[in-house]
């Protein structure tokens, strides 16, 4: 199983889920909510992280579904 982080990024006509090292989007959705739901399922299955970008492309939120360090850093 791959542990690539999943990015939810804006597209001209919707939102895409894109694995961190991939050139192409894994899937494209009409709404950000749909894209987040798909990215979350993929991250849970692979033990990785979901990075959600805003319409401006900047990171808005991060959610980890893998092996988090305990106690947390920072």
PDB file of N, CA and C in Angstrom:
ATOM      1  N   UNK A   1       0.833  -1.179   0.000  1.00  0.00           N
ATOM      2  CA  UNK A   1       0.000   0.000   0.000  1.00  0.00           C
ATOM      3  C   UNK A   1       0.877   1.242   0.000  1.00  0.00           C
ATOM      4  N   UNK A   2       0.521   2.220  -0.782  1.00  0.00           N
ATOM      5  CA  UNK A   2       1.279   3.452  -0.884  1.00  0.00           C
ATOM      6  C   UNK A   2       0.905   4.402   0.248  1.00  0.00           C
ATOM      7  N   UNK A   3       1.856   5.216   0.679  1.00  0.00           N
ATOM      8  CA  UNK A   3       1.551   6.179   1.729  1.00  0.00           C
ATOM      9  C   UNK A   3       1.690   7.603   1.202  1.00  0.00           C
ATOM     10  N   UNK A   4       1.281   7.830  -0.039  1.00  0.00           N
ATOM     11  CA  UNK A   4       1.339   9.161  -0.623  1.00  0.00           C
ATOM     12  C   UNK A   4       0.283  10.056   0.008  1.00  0.00           C
ATOM     13  N   UNK A   5       0.689  11.268   0.336  1.00  0.00           N
ATOM     14  CA  UNK A   5      -0.274  12.238   0.843  1.00  0.00           C
ATOM     15  C   UNK A   5      -1.216  12.642  -0.282  1.00  0.00           C
ATOM     16  N   UNK A   6      -2.458  12.903   0.066  1.00  0.00           N
ATOM     17  CA  UNK A   6      -3.485  13.267  -0.909  1.00  0.00           C
ATOM     18  C   UNK A   6      -3.772  14.758  -0.799  1.00  0.00           C
ATOM     19  N   UNK A   7      -3.698  15.463  -1.922  1.00  0.00           N
ATOM     20  CA  UNK A   7      -3.968  16.894  -1.960  1.00  0.00           C
ATOM     21  C   UNK A   7      -5.318  17.130  -2.621  1.00  0.00           C
ATOM     22  N   UNK A   8      -6.116  18.015  -2.035  1.00  0.00           N
ATOM     23  CA  UNK A   8      -7.369  18.469  -2.640  1.00  0.00           C
ATOM     24  C   UNK A   8      -7.058  19.857  -3.191  1.00  0.00           C
ATOM     25  N   UNK A   9      -7.078  19.973  -4.521  1.00  0.00           N
ATOM     26  CA  UNK A   9      -6.648  21.212  -5.175  1.00  0.00           C
ATOM     27  C   UNK A   9      -7.743  21.763  -6.093  1.00  0.00           C
ATOM     28  N   UNK A  10      -7.788  23.090  -6.253  1.00  0.00           N
ATOM     29  CA  UNK A  10      -8.807  23.684  -7.121  1.00  0.00           C
ATOM     30  C   UNK A  10      -8.494  23.438  -8.594  1.00  0.00           C
ATOM     31  N   UNK A  11      -9.536  23.303  -9.366  1.00  0.00           N
ATOM     32  CA  UNK A  11      -9.462  23.188 -10.828  1.00  0.00           C
ATOM     33  C   UNK A  11     -10.396  24.228 -11.421  1.00  0.00           C
ATOM     34  N   UNK A  12     -10.251  24.561 -12.692  1.00  0.00           N
ATOM     35  CA  UNK A  12     -11.147  25.567 -13.281  1.00  0.00           C
ATOM     36  C   UNK A  12     -12.637  25.226 -13.141  1.00  0.00           C
ATOM     37  N   UNK A  13     -12.968  23.951 -13.218  1.00  0.00           N
ATOM     38  CA  UNK A  13     -14.372  23.548 -13.117  1.00  0.00           C
ATOM     39  C   UNK A  13     -14.571  22.511 -12.018  1.00  0.00           C
ATOM     40  N   UNK A  14     -14.061  22.785 -10.835  1.00  0.00           N
ATOM     41  CA  UNK A  14     -14.261  21.855  -9.734  1.00  0.00           C
ATOM     42  C   UNK A  14     -13.030  21.710  -8.869  1.00  0.00           C
ATOM     43  N   UNK A  15     -12.899  20.517  -8.277  1.00  0.00           N
ATOM     44  CA  UNK A  15     -11.819  20.204  -7.350  1.00  0.00           C
ATOM     45  C   UNK A  15     -11.236  18.843  -7.701  1.00  0.00           C
ATOM     46  N   UNK A  16      -9.928  18.701  -7.522  1.00  0.00           N
ATOM     47  CA  UNK A  16      -9.257  17.448  -7.848  1.00  0.00           C
ATOM     48  C   UNK A  16      -8.585  16.859  -6.615  1.00  0.00           C
ATOM     49  N   UNK A  17      -8.479  15.539  -6.609  1.00  0.00           N
ATOM     50  CA  UNK A  17      -7.686  14.815  -5.622  1.00  0.00           C
ATOM     51  C   UNK A  17      -6.435  14.374  -6.355  1.00  0.00           C
ATOM     52  N   UNK A  18      -5.278  14.744  -5.809  1.00  0.00           N
ATOM     53  CA  UNK A  18      -4.021  14.451  -6.476  1.00  0.00           C
ATOM     54  C   UNK A  18      -3.028  13.913  -5.460  1.00  0.00           C
ATOM     55  N   UNK A  19      -2.462  12.748  -5.736  1.00  0.00           N
ATOM     56  CA  UNK A  19      -1.429  12.197  -4.860  1.00  0.00           C
ATOM     57  C   UNK A  19      -0.185  13.077  -4.965  1.00  0.00           C
ATOM     58  N   UNK A  20       0.543  13.180  -3.883  1.00  0.00           N
ATOM     59  CA  UNK A  20       1.650  14.122  -3.769  1.00  0.00           C
ATOM     60  C   UNK A  20       2.670  14.050  -4.904  1.00  0.00           C
ATOM     61  N   UNK A  21       3.050  12.877  -5.342  1.00  0.00           N
ATOM     62  CA  UNK A  21       4.098  12.767  -6.356  1.00  0.00           C
ATOM     63  C   UNK A  21       3.559  12.551  -7.774  1.00  0.00           C
ATOM     64  N   UNK A  22       2.254  12.507  -7.932  1.00  0.00           N
ATOM     65  CA  UNK A  22       1.676  12.274  -9.266  1.00  0.00           C
ATOM     66  C   UNK A  22       1.574  13.570 -10.065  1.00  0.00           C
ATOM     67  N   UNK A  23       1.718  13.450 -11.371  1.00  0.00           N
ATOM     68  CA  UNK A  23       1.542  14.593 -12.266  1.00  0.00           C
ATOM     69  C   UNK A  23       0.066  14.841 -12.536  1.00  0.00           C
ATOM     70  N   UNK A  24      -0.715  13.766 -12.632  1.00  0.00           N
ATOM     71  CA  UNK A  24      -2.134  13.865 -12.959  1.00  0.00           C
ATOM     72  C   UNK A  24      -3.002  13.675 -11.724  1.00  0.00           C
ATOM     73  N   UNK A  25      -4.206  14.230 -11.794  1.00  0.00           N
ATOM     74  CA  UNK A  25      -5.163  14.073 -10.704  1.00  0.00           C
ATOM     75  C   UNK A  25      -5.687  12.642 -10.672  1.00  0.00           C
ATOM     76  N   UNK A  26      -5.922  12.135  -9.483  1.00  0.00           N
ATOM     77  CA  UNK A  26      -6.511  10.815  -9.317  1.00  0.00           C
ATOM     78  C   UNK A  26      -7.982  10.861  -9.688  1.00  0.00           C
ATOM     79  N   UNK A  27      -8.673  11.944  -9.266  1.00  0.00           N
ATOM     80  CA  UNK A  27     -10.087  12.120  -9.581  1.00  0.00           C
ATOM     81  C   UNK A  27     -10.439  13.604  -9.543  1.00  0.00           C
ATOM     82  N   UNK A  28     -11.512  13.979 -10.255  1.00  0.00           N
ATOM     83  CA  UNK A  28     -11.989  15.365 -10.292  1.00  0.00           C
ATOM     84  C   UNK A  28     -13.456  15.365  -9.883  1.00  0.00           C
ATOM     85  N   UNK A  29     -13.835  16.369  -9.073  1.00  0.00           N
ATOM     86  CA  UNK A  29     -15.184  16.429  -8.503  1.00  0.00           C
ATOM     87  C   UNK A  29     -15.772  17.822  -8.662  1.00  0.00           C
ATOM     88  N   UNK A  30     -17.098  17.907  -8.625  1.00  0.00           N
ATOM     89  CA  UNK A  30     -17.779  19.194  -8.760  1.00  0.00           C
ATOM     90  C   UNK A  30     -17.574  20.071  -7.541  1.00  0.00           C
ATOM     91  N   UNK A  31     -17.587  19.483  -6.342  1.00  0.00           N
ATOM     92  CA  UNK A  31     -17.464  20.275  -5.118  1.00  0.00           C
ATOM     93  C   UNK A  31     -16.226  19.880  -4.325  1.00  0.00           C
ATOM     94  N   UNK A  32     -15.788  20.814  -3.492  1.00  0.00           N
ATOM     95  CA  UNK A  32     -14.648  20.535  -2.634  1.00  0.00           C
ATOM     96  C   UNK A  32     -15.000  19.444  -1.623  1.00  0.00           C
ATOM     97  N   UNK A  33     -16.216  19.448  -1.113  1.00  0.00           N
ATOM     98  CA  UNK A  33     -16.652  18.439  -0.141  1.00  0.00           C
ATOM     99  C   UNK A  33     -16.526  17.031  -0.712  1.00  0.00           C
ATOM    100  N   UNK A  34     -16.956  16.840  -1.974  1.00  0.00           N
ATOM    101  CA  UNK A  34     -16.834  15.515  -2.617  1.00  0.00           C
ATOM    102  C   UNK A  34     -15.374  15.105  -2.713  1.00  0.00           C
ATOM    103  N   UNK A  35     -14.520  16.039  -3.109  1.00  0.00           N
ATOM    104  CA  UNK A  35     -13.094  15.749  -3.249  1.00  0.00           C
ATOM    105  C   UNK A  35     -12.466  15.409  -1.898  1.00  0.00           C
ATOM    106  N   UNK A  36     -12.853  16.139  -0.849  1.00  0.00           N
ATOM    107  CA  UNK A  36     -12.322  15.873   0.491  1.00  0.00           C
ATOM    108  C   UNK A  36     -12.725  14.480   0.959  1.00  0.00           C
ATOM    109  N   UNK A  37     -13.979  14.111   0.725  1.00  0.00           N
ATOM    110  CA  UNK A  37     -14.452  12.783   1.143  1.00  0.00           C
ATOM    111  C   UNK A  37     -13.663  11.666   0.471  1.00  0.00           C
ATOM    112  N   UNK A  38     -13.404  11.801  -0.822  1.00  0.00           N
ATOM    113  CA  UNK A  38     -12.630  10.788  -1.554  1.00  0.00           C
ATOM    114  C   UNK A  38     -11.187  10.766  -1.057  1.00  0.00           C
ATOM    115  N   UNK A  39     -10.583  11.938  -0.883  1.00  0.00           N
ATOM    116  CA  UNK A  39      -9.197  12.015  -0.409  1.00  0.00           C
ATOM    117  C   UNK A  39      -9.067  11.408   0.980  1.00  0.00           C
ATOM    118  N   UNK A  40     -10.055  11.642   1.843  1.00  0.00           N
ATOM    119  CA  UNK A  40     -10.017  11.103   3.200  1.00  0.00           C
ATOM    120  C   UNK A  40     -10.043   9.571   3.170  1.00  0.00           C
ATOM    121  N   UNK A  41     -10.907   8.997   2.348  1.00  0.00           N
ATOM    122  CA  UNK A  41     -10.971   7.533   2.244  1.00  0.00           C
ATOM    123  C   UNK A  41      -9.647   6.967   1.765  1.00  0.00           C
ATOM    124  N   UNK A  42      -9.035   7.623   0.781  1.00  0.00           N
ATOM    125  CA  UNK A  42      -7.749   7.158   0.263  1.00  0.00           C
ATOM    126  C   UNK A  42      -6.666   7.265   1.338  1.00  0.00           C
ATOM    127  N   UNK A  43      -6.662   8.351   2.107  1.00  0.00           N
ATOM    128  CA  UNK A  43      -5.654   8.554   3.143  1.00  0.00           C
ATOM    129  C   UNK A  43      -5.821   7.557   4.283  1.00  0.00           C
ATOM    130  N   UNK A  44      -7.059   7.270   4.656  1.00  0.00           N
ATOM    131  CA  UNK A  44      -7.309   6.285   5.716  1.00  0.00           C
ATOM    132  C   UNK A  44      -6.790   4.917   5.279  1.00  0.00           C
ATOM    133  N   UNK A  45      -7.065   4.552   4.035  1.00  0.00           N
ATOM    134  CA  UNK A  45      -6.628   3.247   3.514  1.00  0.00           C
ATOM    135  C   UNK A  45      -5.114   3.126   3.430  1.00  0.00           C
ATOM    136  N   UNK A  46      -4.430   4.232   3.156  1.00  0.00           N
ATOM    137  CA  UNK A  46      -2.983   4.159   2.985  1.00  0.00           C
ATOM    138  C   UNK A  46      -2.204   4.690   4.183  1.00  0.00           C
ATOM    139  N   UNK A  47      -2.903   5.196   5.210  1.00  0.00           N
ATOM    140  CA  UNK A  47      -2.216   5.720   6.389  1.00  0.00           C
ATOM    141  C   UNK A  47      -1.422   6.966   6.079  1.00  0.00           C
ATOM    142  N   UNK A  48      -1.998   7.869   5.302  1.00  0.00           N
ATOM    143  CA  UNK A  48      -1.285   9.082   4.905  1.00  0.00           C
ATOM    144  C   UNK A  48      -2.042  10.324   5.359  1.00  0.00           C
ATOM    145  N   UNK A  49      -1.776  11.443   4.731  1.00  0.00           N
ATOM    146  CA  UNK A  49      -2.315  12.726   5.152  1.00  0.00           C
ATOM    147  C   UNK A  49      -3.139  13.354   4.024  1.00  0.00           C
ATOM    148  N   UNK A  50      -4.168  14.122   4.388  1.00  0.00           N
ATOM    149  CA  UNK A  50      -4.955  14.889   3.425  1.00  0.00           C
ATOM    150  C   UNK A  50      -4.572  16.350   3.601  1.00  0.00           C
ATOM    151  N   UNK A  51      -4.173  16.992   2.511  1.00  0.00           N
ATOM    152  CA  UNK A  51      -3.838  18.404   2.527  1.00  0.00           C
ATOM    153  C   UNK A  51      -4.879  19.111   1.671  1.00  0.00           C
ATOM    154  N   UNK A  52      -5.658  19.996   2.290  1.00  0.00           N
ATOM    155  CA  UNK A  52      -6.748  20.677   1.601  1.00  0.00           C
ATOM    156  C   UNK A  52      -6.298  22.091   1.253  1.00  0.00           C
ATOM    157  N   UNK A  53      -6.373  22.413  -0.030  1.00  0.00           N
ATOM    158  CA  UNK A  53      -6.000  23.738  -0.516  1.00  0.00           C
ATOM    159  C   UNK A  53      -7.259  24.566  -0.712  1.00  0.00           C
ATOM    160  N   UNK A  54      -7.146  25.871  -0.509  1.00  0.00           N
ATOM    161  CA  UNK A  54      -8.254  26.778  -0.753  1.00  0.00           C
ATOM    162  C   UNK A  54      -8.325  27.141  -2.225  1.00  0.00           C
ATOM    163  N   UNK A  55      -9.300  27.945  -2.590  1.00  0.00           N
ATOM    164  CA  UNK A  55      -9.480  28.376  -3.981  1.00  0.00           C
ATOM    165  C   UNK A  55      -8.233  29.108  -4.486  1.00  0.00           C
ATOM    166  N   UNK A  56      -7.500  29.784  -3.575  1.00  0.00           N
ATOM    167  CA  UNK A  56      -6.288  30.508  -3.962  1.00  0.00           C
ATOM    168  C   UNK A  56      -5.065  29.593  -4.077  1.00  0.00           C
ATOM    169  N   UNK A  57      -5.226  28.301  -3.791  1.00  0.00           N
ATOM    170  CA  UNK A  57      -4.136  27.340  -3.908  1.00  0.00           C
ATOM    171  C   UNK A  57      -3.312  27.161  -2.645  1.00  0.00           C
ATOM    172  N   UNK A  58      -3.521  28.020  -1.662  1.00  0.00           N
ATOM    173  CA  UNK A  58      -2.764  27.919  -0.415  1.00  0.00           C
ATOM    174  C   UNK A  58      -3.359  26.835   0.478  1.00  0.00           C
ATOM    175  N   UNK A  59      -2.500  26.208   1.285  1.00  0.00           N
ATOM    176  CA  UNK A  59      -2.956  25.148   2.187  1.00  0.00           C
ATOM    177  C   UNK A  59      -3.883  25.751   3.236  1.00  0.00           C
ATOM    178  N   UNK A  60      -5.053  25.146   3.358  1.00  0.00           N
ATOM    179  CA  UNK A  60      -6.087  25.616   4.276  1.00  0.00           C
ATOM    180  C   UNK A  60      -6.167  24.725   5.507  1.00  0.00           C
ATOM    181  N   UNK A  61      -5.936  23.430   5.308  1.00  0.00           N
ATOM    182  CA  UNK A  61      -6.112  22.471   6.402  1.00  0.00           C
ATOM    183  C   UNK A  61      -5.315  21.206   6.094  1.00  0.00           C
ATOM    184  N   UNK A  62      -4.883  20.524   7.166  1.00  0.00           N
ATOM    185  CA  UNK A  62      -4.182  19.237   7.041  1.00  0.00           C
ATOM    186  C   UNK A  62      -4.785  18.264   8.030  1.00  0.00           C
ATOM    187  N   UNK A  63      -4.983  17.028   7.598  1.00  0.00           N
ATOM    188  CA  UNK A  63      -5.492  15.980   8.483  1.00  0.00           C
ATOM    189  C   UNK A  63      -4.665  14.721   8.254  1.00  0.00           C
ATOM    190  N   UNK A  64      -4.146  14.169   9.337  1.00  0.00           N
ATOM    191  CA  UNK A  64      -3.301  12.988   9.253  1.00  0.00           C
ATOM    192  C   UNK A  64      -4.090  11.742   9.634  1.00  0.00           C
ATOM    193  N   UNK A  65      -3.906  10.678   8.864  1.00  0.00           N
ATOM    194  CA  UNK A  65      -4.558   9.402   9.131  1.00  0.00           C
ATOM    195  C   UNK A  65      -3.528   8.281   9.238  1.00  0.00           C
ATOM    196  N   UNK A  66      -2.280   8.649   9.516  1.00  0.00           N
ATOM    197  CA  UNK A  66      -1.212   7.668   9.590  1.00  0.00           C
ATOM    198  C   UNK A  66      -0.651   7.560  10.980  1.00  0.00           C
ATOM    199  N   UNK A  67       0.625   7.274  11.054  1.00  0.00           N
ATOM    200  CA  UNK A  67       1.318   7.120  12.328  1.00  0.00           C
ATOM    201  C   UNK A  67       1.787   8.486  12.819  1.00  0.00           C
ATOM    202  N   UNK A  68       1.000   9.098  13.665  1.00  0.00           N
ATOM    203  CA  UNK A  68       1.359  10.382  14.229  1.00  0.00           C
ATOM    204  C   UNK A  68       2.374  10.199  15.346  1.00  0.00           C
ATOM    205  N   UNK A  69       3.339  11.113  15.451  1.00  0.00           N
ATOM    206  CA  UNK A  69       4.276  11.010  16.559  1.00  0.00           C
ATOM    207  C   UNK A  69       3.579  11.348  17.869  1.00  0.00           C
ATOM    208  N   UNK A  70       3.931  10.631  18.929  1.00  0.00           N
ATOM    209  CA  UNK A  70       3.353  10.936  20.233  1.00  0.00           C
ATOM    210  C   UNK A  70       4.480  11.058  21.228  1.00  0.00           C
ATOM    211  N   UNK A  71       4.638  12.115  21.945  1.00  0.00           N
ATOM    212  CA  UNK A  71       3.791  13.302  21.908  1.00  0.00           C
ATOM    213  C   UNK A  71       4.039  14.097  20.623  1.00  0.00           C
ATOM    214  N   UNK A  72       3.055  14.910  20.232  1.00  0.00           N
ATOM    215  CA  UNK A  72       3.191  15.666  18.989  1.00  0.00           C
ATOM    216  C   UNK A  72       4.347  16.663  19.046  1.00  0.00           C
ATOM    217  N   UNK A  73       4.979  16.855  17.908  1.00  0.00           N
ATOM    218  CA  UNK A  73       6.062  17.830  17.813  1.00  0.00           C
ATOM    219  C   UNK A  73       5.486  19.241  17.800  1.00  0.00           C
ATOM    220  N   UNK A  74       6.246  20.191  18.332  1.00  0.00           N
ATOM    221  CA  UNK A  74       5.876  21.616  18.256  1.00  0.00           C
ATOM    222  C   UNK A  74       4.873  21.962  19.195  1.00  0.00           C
TER     223      UNK A  74
END
